Structure formats: structure tokens, C-alpha cells
């Protein structure tokens, strides 16, 4: 059984990998697969889709990254990707990792009914002990399926990595070595050398 971890991954960092590892262990998944967004509907990334995909593959390993959104209509709405994964995997429901803040707003997402009917959510807290069993009771009563992960908060964000690169600060402890090398080799996150989006 597999679980999917959607994200912009701009860039992939060590907290992403640690979350994937802990979710895999805690819920006994065979695999946790990263799904980089091709064209996220509420963000305009300052890197190309190819950059983000390659960094995810370099950091997590090609077999742990799914490029399905690179072949779907844009913008990359989660409900559409979920339906494609479900069709391809021939499964009844998709296991989907989501952060606390995002799940709290899930009913405002595009076509939430499709998500409710086709997803088992794994919710990750911003910090340990933040979520109680009653935090999302109102959603459970409406038929949303979810489990809360019992993992420690990891204080790394993609925004933090980008900011440090812009300020010429080290990111050595924040991202996998191959991702760090890719960022510097291609001049990512430097305002004066932003790459043209494709």
C-alpha cells in the first residue's frame, strides 16, 4: 500500500524527507511517493516545473517521485490528480499526506466532494501535540476520512531555504546534498538570476 505526498517542493528539503520516512513507518505503508505540483493553482513558483521535479528526484530518488501532474491539465488541482492516481492504481481510495493548516481549509478546495469521497488523509501537525482527536470532529461528521500522524515538528520550510540562498547563507543542513548542488549549479533563488518559467 502506498501513500502520496503532494507539494510544490520548491525546493525539496530534509523535513519533507523526514515526514515521508516517519509516515511510512508509522502507518506501515510500502511506499510514500512525492508528487510535485506542475502548476499549483495558488502559487507562482520562481523556478521551472522541471527544476522542482529534478530536485525532488535528486533528493528522494526517482522511484519515490511521481510526475503525474506534468501530464494533466493546468492548473494542477488536487482533485484531478487524485482521480488519475485512483484510475491508474486501480484502488478505491488514495492515501494523501496533508498539513494541519491545509486540512483545516479543505472544504474551500476545488471540488472538495471528490476529495472527500476518494481520499484517506494523513494529517501532519505543525508541532507535536498540536492536534487532538476532536480538532476535526466537524469534518469527520461530514464523512471526511483522516488519521492524525504522531510526529515531531521539523522547523524547515522551502521559504527558509530560498531566503538563505538569497542572503548567501548556508543551506547545508536543510536540504540533501544533491539538491544543494543543483540549486547552486543552476543559480536558483537568486533574484538576479531567476529562470524563465516554462
Protein backbone atom coordinates (compact mmCIF):
# COMPACT_ATOMS: atom_id res chain seq x y z
CA UNK A 1 0.00 0.00 0.00
CA UNK A 2 1.30 3.45 -0.91
CA UNK A 3 0.75 6.99 0.27
CA UNK A 4 1.15 10.19 -1.73
CA UNK A 5 2.76 13.41 -0.56
CA UNK A 6 1.75 16.37 -2.76
CA UNK A 7 3.66 19.63 -2.71
CA UNK A 8 5.38 22.35 -4.68
CA UNK A 9 8.75 21.17 -3.31
CA UNK A 10 10.40 24.50 -4.13
CA UNK A 11 12.83 23.14 -3.14
CA UNK A 12 12.57 19.68 -1.60
CA UNK A 13 14.17 19.83 1.86
CA UNK A 14 15.09 17.49 4.70
CA UNK A 15 11.81 17.96 6.57
CA UNK A 16 9.91 16.64 3.53
CA UNK A 17 12.06 13.52 3.56
CA UNK A 18 11.76 13.05 7.32
CA UNK A 19 7.98 13.40 7.17
CA UNK A 20 7.80 10.82 4.37
CA UNK A 21 10.01 8.41 6.33
CA UNK A 22 8.04 8.75 9.58
CA UNK A 23 4.65 8.46 7.88
CA UNK A 24 5.83 5.32 6.09
CA UNK A 25 6.96 3.76 9.37
CA UNK A 26 4.00 4.87 11.48
CA UNK A 27 1.28 3.72 9.10
CA UNK A 28 3.15 0.74 7.58
CA UNK A 29 3.00 1.99 4.01
CA UNK A 30 5.12 0.18 1.45
CA UNK A 31 6.00 3.49 -0.19
CA UNK A 32 5.49 7.21 0.30
CA UNK A 33 5.57 8.87 -3.11
CA UNK A 34 6.22 12.58 -3.64
CA UNK A 35 4.02 14.30 -6.24
CA UNK A 36 5.48 17.67 -7.27
CA UNK A 37 2.88 20.17 -8.48
CA UNK A 38 3.34 21.20 -12.09
CA UNK A 39 1.28 24.40 -11.89
CA UNK A 40 -0.05 24.95 -8.35
CA UNK A 41 -3.28 26.99 -8.51
CA UNK A 42 -2.49 29.37 -5.63
CA UNK A 43 1.24 29.89 -6.15
CA UNK A 44 3.55 31.16 -8.87
CA UNK A 45 6.85 29.40 -8.12
CA UNK A 46 10.07 31.22 -9.02
CA UNK A 47 11.52 28.06 -10.56
CA UNK A 48 10.51 25.95 -13.55
CA UNK A 49 8.45 22.77 -13.18
CA UNK A 50 11.50 20.88 -14.47
CA UNK A 51 13.71 22.34 -11.74
CA UNK A 52 11.30 21.28 -9.00
CA UNK A 53 10.83 17.79 -10.40
CA UNK A 54 14.57 17.23 -10.79
CA UNK A 55 15.30 18.45 -7.26
CA UNK A 56 12.65 16.09 -5.88
CA UNK A 57 14.13 13.19 -7.84
CA UNK A 58 17.67 14.05 -6.78
CA UNK A 59 16.73 14.32 -3.12
CA UNK A 60 14.23 11.49 -2.73
CA UNK A 61 15.26 9.12 -5.51
CA UNK A 62 13.50 8.80 -8.85
CA UNK A 63 11.43 5.79 -7.76
CA UNK A 64 9.94 7.84 -4.90
CA UNK A 65 8.73 10.71 -7.11
CA UNK A 66 5.69 10.69 -9.41
CA UNK A 67 5.50 13.20 -12.27
CA UNK A 68 1.80 12.56 -12.99
CA UNK A 69 0.84 16.24 -12.74
CA UNK A 70 3.21 17.03 -15.62
CA UNK A 71 0.76 15.25 -17.95
CA UNK A 72 -2.51 16.65 -16.61
CA UNK A 73 -4.44 19.87 -17.37
CA UNK A 74 -3.37 23.04 -15.60
CA UNK A 75 -3.68 24.45 -13.04
CA UNK A 76 -2.77 21.34 -11.02
CA UNK A 77 -5.90 20.84 -8.95
CA UNK A 78 -5.53 18.04 -6.39
CA UNK A 79 -8.93 16.52 -7.13
CA UNK A 80 -7.93 15.90 -10.76
CA UNK A 81 -4.63 14.29 -9.77
CA UNK A 82 -6.42 12.12 -7.19
CA UNK A 83 -8.85 10.80 -9.81
CA UNK A 84 -5.99 9.99 -12.19
CA UNK A 85 -4.00 8.23 -9.46
CA UNK A 86 -7.05 6.24 -8.44
CA UNK A 87 -7.68 5.16 -12.02
CA UNK A 88 -4.04 4.26 -12.61
CA UNK A 89 -3.51 2.46 -9.29
CA UNK A 90 -6.88 0.68 -9.51
CA UNK A 91 -7.61 1.46 -5.88
CA UNK A 92 -10.73 2.53 -4.03
CA UNK A 93 -9.12 5.41 -2.11
CA UNK A 94 -5.87 7.35 -2.29
CA UNK A 95 -3.78 7.89 0.85
CA UNK A 96 -2.78 11.53 0.92
CA UNK A 97 -0.45 13.39 3.32
CA UNK A 98 -1.64 16.89 4.22
CA UNK A 99 -0.58 19.55 6.69
CA UNK A 100 -2.80 20.73 9.54
CA UNK A 101 -3.41 24.20 8.07
CA UNK A 102 -4.37 22.86 4.65
CA UNK A 103 -6.76 20.26 6.01
CA UNK A 104 -8.48 22.88 8.14
CA UNK A 105 -9.41 24.64 4.87
CA UNK A 106 -10.14 21.52 2.82
CA UNK A 107 -13.77 22.41 2.17
CA UNK A 108 -12.64 25.54 0.30
CA UNK A 109 -10.55 23.48 -2.14
CA UNK A 110 -11.68 22.89 -5.71
CA UNK A 111 -14.30 20.10 -5.86
CA UNK A 112 -13.99 19.06 -2.19
CA UNK A 113 -16.69 16.42 -2.58
CA UNK A 114 -14.41 14.45 -4.91
CA UNK A 115 -11.62 14.63 -2.33
CA UNK A 116 -13.95 13.54 0.46
CA UNK A 117 -15.12 10.51 -1.49
CA UNK A 118 -11.75 9.37 -2.79
CA UNK A 119 -9.09 10.19 -0.18
CA UNK A 120 -7.87 8.90 3.16
CA UNK A 121 -5.98 11.85 4.65
CA UNK A 122 -2.89 11.58 6.86
CA UNK A 123 -2.68 14.87 8.78
CA UNK A 124 0.69 16.21 9.94
CA UNK A 125 0.83 18.81 12.73
CA UNK A 126 2.91 21.96 12.71
CA UNK A 127 4.20 20.95 16.13
CA UNK A 128 3.95 17.89 18.37
CA UNK A 129 0.67 17.55 20.25
CA UNK A 130 -0.98 20.39 18.33
CA UNK A 131 -3.89 18.29 17.06
CA UNK A 132 -6.33 16.45 19.31
CA UNK A 133 -8.80 13.78 18.30
CA UNK A 134 -11.55 16.41 18.29
CA UNK A 135 -9.73 19.02 16.17
CA UNK A 136 -11.54 17.97 13.01
CA UNK A 137 -14.63 16.37 14.52
CA UNK A 138 -16.85 18.61 12.36
CA UNK A 139 -15.22 17.18 9.22
CA UNK A 140 -15.47 13.60 10.45
CA UNK A 141 -19.20 14.10 10.99
CA UNK A 142 -19.48 15.16 7.33
CA UNK A 143 -17.77 11.99 6.12
CA UNK A 144 -14.14 13.06 5.74
CA UNK A 145 -11.67 10.21 6.38
CA UNK A 146 -8.45 11.09 8.15
CA UNK A 147 -5.82 9.93 10.63
CA UNK A 148 -3.51 12.16 12.61
CA UNK A 149 0.22 11.45 12.45
CA UNK A 150 2.12 11.42 15.71
CA UNK A 151 5.34 13.07 14.58
CA UNK A 152 7.57 15.84 15.87
CA UNK A 153 7.53 19.24 14.24
CA UNK A 154 10.52 19.82 11.96
CA UNK A 155 11.39 23.50 11.66
CA UNK A 156 12.39 23.70 7.99
CA UNK A 157 10.43 25.29 5.18
CA UNK A 158 11.07 25.84 1.50
CA UNK A 159 10.72 29.57 2.10
CA UNK A 160 13.51 29.36 4.69
CA UNK A 161 15.79 27.64 2.17
CA UNK A 162 15.05 30.19 -0.56
CA UNK A 163 15.66 33.08 1.84
CA UNK A 164 19.01 31.69 2.95
CA UNK A 165 20.16 31.25 -0.65
CA UNK A 166 19.19 34.86 -1.43
CA UNK A 167 21.14 36.02 1.62
CA UNK A 168 24.19 33.88 0.81
CA UNK A 169 23.71 31.76 3.94
CA UNK A 170 24.46 28.04 4.15
CA UNK A 171 21.66 25.54 3.41
CA UNK A 172 23.87 22.52 4.01
CA UNK A 173 21.80 21.20 6.95
CA UNK A 174 18.45 21.97 5.32
CA UNK A 175 18.47 20.09 2.02
CA UNK A 176 20.01 16.88 0.62
CA UNK A 177 23.50 17.37 -0.81
CA UNK A 178 22.40 16.77 -4.41
CA UNK A 179 19.63 19.35 -4.07
CA UNK A 180 22.08 21.87 -2.63
CA UNK A 181 24.43 21.27 -5.56
CA UNK A 182 21.60 21.66 -8.07
CA UNK A 183 20.47 24.95 -6.54
CA UNK A 184 23.94 26.48 -6.75
CA UNK A 185 24.80 24.97 -10.12
CA UNK A 186 21.68 26.45 -11.72
CA UNK A 187 21.62 29.73 -9.79
CA UNK A 188 18.18 29.13 -8.30
CA UNK A 189 16.57 31.57 -5.86
CA UNK A 190 18.95 34.39 -6.70
CA UNK A 191 16.73 37.33 -7.68
CA UNK A 192 19.09 38.47 -10.41
CA UNK A 193 19.26 35.03 -12.00
CA UNK A 194 15.67 33.79 -11.84
CA UNK A 195 14.96 31.32 -14.61
CA UNK A 196 12.18 31.85 -17.12
CA UNK A 197 9.16 29.64 -16.34
CA UNK A 198 8.13 27.14 -18.97
